[in-house]
């Protein structure tokens, strides 16, 4: 068992593994940040859409038009 730990290959292999793990964390962080930005943009668009639908509903009520489709009435 100790022969494996004292092997001349353990340090280079460990260095490559460490470099791979660090690179993986960097890529994972970048992907996660992109995902969060996309979710943020989607949430903003959803809120803008909801606001626009409220405005259209108020305008429809103001004009005395029939209820908009999808209102459940």
N, C-alpha and C. Protein backbone atom coordinates (compact mmCIF):
# COMPACT_ATOMS: atom_id res chain seq x y z
N UNK A 1 0.82 -1.20 0.00
CA UNK A 1 0.00 0.00 0.00
C UNK A 1 0.86 1.25 0.00
N UNK A 2 1.90 1.28 0.82
CA UNK A 2 2.75 2.47 0.89
C UNK A 2 3.57 2.66 -0.38
N UNK A 3 3.74 1.59 -1.14
CA UNK A 3 4.47 1.72 -2.40
C UNK A 3 3.69 2.60 -3.38
N UNK A 4 2.38 2.51 -3.35
CA UNK A 4 1.54 3.32 -4.23
C UNK A 4 1.63 4.78 -3.83
N UNK A 5 1.61 5.08 -2.55
CA UNK A 5 1.68 6.46 -2.08
C UNK A 5 3.05 7.07 -2.32
N UNK A 6 4.09 6.26 -2.32
CA UNK A 6 5.44 6.76 -2.55
C UNK A 6 5.84 6.69 -4.02
N UNK A 7 4.92 6.35 -4.87
CA UNK A 7 5.21 6.22 -6.29
C UNK A 7 5.56 7.59 -6.88
N UNK A 8 6.39 7.59 -7.89
CA UNK A 8 6.79 8.83 -8.55
C UNK A 8 5.66 9.40 -9.40
N UNK A 9 4.62 8.62 -9.65
CA UNK A 9 3.52 9.07 -10.49
C UNK A 9 2.40 9.76 -9.71
N UNK A 10 2.40 9.63 -8.40
CA UNK A 10 1.26 10.14 -7.62
C UNK A 10 1.17 11.66 -7.65
N UNK A 11 2.30 12.36 -7.60
CA UNK A 11 2.27 13.83 -7.60
C UNK A 11 1.81 14.38 -8.96
N UNK A 12 2.36 13.92 -10.08
CA UNK A 12 1.85 14.44 -11.37
C UNK A 12 0.38 14.10 -11.61
N UNK A 13 -0.02 12.90 -11.24
CA UNK A 13 -1.43 12.53 -11.43
C UNK A 13 -2.31 13.38 -10.53
N UNK A 14 -1.88 13.59 -9.30
CA UNK A 14 -2.64 14.45 -8.38
C UNK A 14 -2.74 15.87 -8.89
N UNK A 15 -1.65 16.37 -9.49
CA UNK A 15 -1.67 17.73 -10.04
C UNK A 15 -2.67 17.84 -11.19
N UNK A 16 -2.69 16.83 -12.07
CA UNK A 16 -3.64 16.86 -13.18
C UNK A 16 -5.08 16.75 -12.69
N UNK A 17 -5.30 15.92 -11.68
CA UNK A 17 -6.65 15.79 -11.12
C UNK A 17 -7.08 17.11 -10.49
N UNK A 18 -6.18 17.74 -9.74
CA UNK A 18 -6.50 19.02 -9.11
C UNK A 18 -6.80 20.08 -10.16
N UNK A 19 -5.99 20.13 -11.23
CA UNK A 19 -6.24 21.10 -12.30
C UNK A 19 -7.59 20.84 -12.96
N UNK A 20 -7.92 19.58 -13.16
CA UNK A 20 -9.22 19.24 -13.76
C UNK A 20 -10.38 19.64 -12.87
N UNK A 21 -10.24 19.42 -11.58
CA UNK A 21 -11.30 19.80 -10.64
C UNK A 21 -11.47 21.31 -10.61
N UNK A 22 -10.36 22.05 -10.56
CA UNK A 22 -10.45 23.51 -10.54
C UNK A 22 -11.06 24.05 -11.84
N UNK A 23 -10.67 23.48 -12.97
CA UNK A 23 -11.25 23.90 -14.25
C UNK A 23 -12.75 23.59 -14.28
N UNK A 24 -13.12 22.44 -13.74
CA UNK A 24 -14.54 22.07 -13.68
C UNK A 24 -15.34 23.04 -12.84
N UNK A 25 -14.78 23.45 -11.70
CA UNK A 25 -15.47 24.44 -10.87
C UNK A 25 -15.63 25.76 -11.60
N UNK A 26 -14.60 26.17 -12.34
CA UNK A 26 -14.68 27.43 -13.09
C UNK A 26 -15.76 27.39 -14.15
N UNK A 27 -15.81 26.29 -14.89
CA UNK A 27 -16.83 26.14 -15.93
C UNK A 27 -18.21 26.08 -15.30
N UNK A 28 -18.34 25.34 -14.19
CA UNK A 28 -19.63 25.22 -13.51
C UNK A 28 -20.12 26.58 -13.04
N UNK A 29 -19.20 27.40 -12.51
CA UNK A 29 -19.59 28.73 -12.04
C UNK A 29 -20.07 29.60 -13.20
N UNK A 30 -19.37 29.54 -14.33
CA UNK A 30 -19.75 30.34 -15.49
C UNK A 30 -21.11 29.91 -16.03
N UNK A 31 -21.34 28.61 -16.10
CA UNK A 31 -22.63 28.10 -16.58
C UNK A 31 -23.75 28.51 -15.62
N UNK A 32 -23.49 28.42 -14.33
CA UNK A 32 -24.50 28.79 -13.33
C UNK A 32 -24.84 30.28 -13.42
N UNK A 33 -23.82 31.13 -13.62
CA UNK A 33 -24.08 32.56 -13.76
C UNK A 33 -24.92 32.85 -15.00
N UNK A 34 -24.63 32.15 -16.10
CA UNK A 34 -25.41 32.33 -17.32
C UNK A 34 -26.85 31.88 -17.10
N UNK A 35 -27.03 30.78 -16.38
CA UNK A 35 -28.37 30.29 -16.09
C UNK A 35 -29.15 31.29 -15.23
N UNK A 36 -28.49 31.86 -14.23
CA UNK A 36 -29.14 32.84 -13.37
C UNK A 36 -29.53 34.09 -14.17
N UNK A 37 -28.65 34.54 -15.07
CA UNK A 37 -28.96 35.71 -15.90
C UNK A 37 -30.16 35.41 -16.79
N UNK A 38 -30.21 34.21 -17.36
CA UNK A 38 -31.33 33.84 -18.22
C UNK A 38 -32.63 33.80 -17.42
N UNK A 39 -32.60 33.23 -16.22
CA UNK A 39 -33.79 33.20 -15.38
C UNK A 39 -34.24 34.60 -15.01
N UNK A 40 -33.28 35.48 -14.74
CA UNK A 40 -33.60 36.87 -14.38
C UNK A 40 -34.30 37.56 -15.56
N UNK A 41 -33.76 37.37 -16.77
CA UNK A 41 -34.37 37.98 -17.96
C UNK A 41 -35.77 37.42 -18.19
N UNK A 42 -35.93 36.12 -18.00
CA UNK A 42 -37.24 35.49 -18.19
C UNK A 42 -38.25 36.04 -17.18
N UNK A 43 -37.82 36.21 -15.93
CA UNK A 43 -38.70 36.75 -14.89
C UNK A 43 -39.11 38.17 -15.23
N UNK A 44 -38.17 38.98 -15.72
CA UNK A 44 -38.48 40.36 -16.09
C UNK A 44 -39.50 40.38 -17.23
N UNK A 45 -39.28 39.54 -18.25
CA UNK A 45 -40.23 39.48 -19.37
C UNK A 45 -41.61 39.03 -18.90
N UNK A 46 -41.64 38.08 -17.97
CA UNK A 46 -42.92 37.60 -17.45
C UNK A 46 -43.65 38.72 -16.71
N UNK A 47 -42.92 39.49 -15.91
CA UNK A 47 -43.55 40.60 -15.19
C UNK A 47 -44.04 41.68 -16.16
N UNK A 48 -43.26 41.96 -17.20
CA UNK A 48 -43.69 42.94 -18.20
C UNK A 48 -44.95 42.46 -18.90
N UNK A 49 -45.00 41.16 -19.20
CA UNK A 49 -46.18 40.61 -19.87
C UNK A 49 -47.40 40.71 -18.95
N UNK A 50 -47.23 40.38 -17.69
CA UNK A 50 -48.35 40.46 -16.74
C UNK A 50 -48.83 41.91 -16.62
N UNK A 51 -47.90 42.84 -16.57
CA UNK A 51 -48.27 44.26 -16.49
C UNK A 51 -49.04 44.68 -17.74
N UNK A 52 -48.57 44.24 -18.90
CA UNK A 52 -49.25 44.58 -20.16
C UNK A 52 -50.65 43.99 -20.20
N UNK A 53 -50.80 42.75 -19.71
CA UNK A 53 -52.12 42.13 -19.69
C UNK A 53 -53.06 42.88 -18.75
N UNK A 54 -52.55 43.36 -17.61
CA UNK A 54 -53.38 44.15 -16.70
C UNK A 54 -53.80 45.45 -17.37
N UNK A 55 -52.87 46.09 -18.08
CA UNK A 55 -53.19 47.33 -18.78
C UNK A 55 -54.26 47.09 -19.84
N UNK A 56 -54.12 46.00 -20.59
CA UNK A 56 -55.12 45.69 -21.62
C UNK A 56 -56.48 45.39 -21.00
N UNK A 57 -56.48 44.69 -19.88
CA UNK A 57 -57.75 44.39 -19.21
C UNK A 57 -58.42 45.67 -18.71
N UNK A 58 -57.63 46.57 -18.12
CA UNK A 58 -58.19 47.85 -17.66
C UNK A 58 -58.72 48.67 -18.83
N UNK A 59 -57.99 48.67 -19.93
CA UNK A 59 -58.44 49.42 -21.10
C UNK A 59 -59.72 48.81 -21.66
N UNK A 60 -59.79 47.48 -21.65
CA UNK A 60 -60.99 46.79 -22.13
C UNK A 60 -62.19 47.13 -21.25
N UNK A 61 -61.98 47.16 -19.94
CA UNK A 61 -63.07 47.51 -19.03
C UNK A 61 -63.47 48.97 -19.20
N UNK A 62 -62.49 49.81 -19.43
CA UNK A 62 -62.77 51.23 -19.59
C UNK A 62 -63.61 51.47 -20.85
N UNK A 63 -63.32 50.72 -21.89
CA UNK A 63 -64.06 50.88 -23.14
C UNK A 63 -65.39 50.14 -23.13
N UNK A 64 -65.63 49.33 -22.11
CA UNK A 64 -66.90 48.61 -22.02
C UNK A 64 -66.97 47.43 -22.96
N UNK A 65 -65.85 46.92 -23.35
CA UNK A 65 -65.82 45.77 -24.26
C UNK A 65 -66.10 44.49 -23.49
N UNK A 66 -66.31 43.42 -24.24
CA UNK A 66 -66.54 42.11 -23.64
C UNK A 66 -65.27 41.64 -22.94
N UNK A 67 -65.42 40.73 -21.96
CA UNK A 67 -64.24 40.22 -21.26
C UNK A 67 -63.27 39.55 -22.23
N UNK A 68 -62.01 39.64 -21.90
CA UNK A 68 -60.98 39.05 -22.76
C UNK A 68 -61.03 37.54 -22.65
N UNK A 69 -60.73 36.84 -23.74
CA UNK A 69 -60.71 35.38 -23.68
C UNK A 69 -59.64 34.91 -22.70
N UNK A 70 -59.94 33.83 -21.99
CA UNK A 70 -58.99 33.28 -21.04
C UNK A 70 -59.18 33.81 -19.64
N UNK A 71 -60.14 34.68 -19.42
CA UNK A 71 -60.39 35.21 -18.08
C UNK A 71 -61.18 34.21 -17.23
N UNK A 72 -61.72 33.19 -17.85
CA UNK A 72 -62.49 32.19 -17.11
C UNK A 72 -63.94 32.60 -16.89
N UNK A 73 -64.38 33.57 -17.59
CA UNK A 73 -65.77 34.02 -17.43
C UNK A 73 -66.60 33.63 -18.62
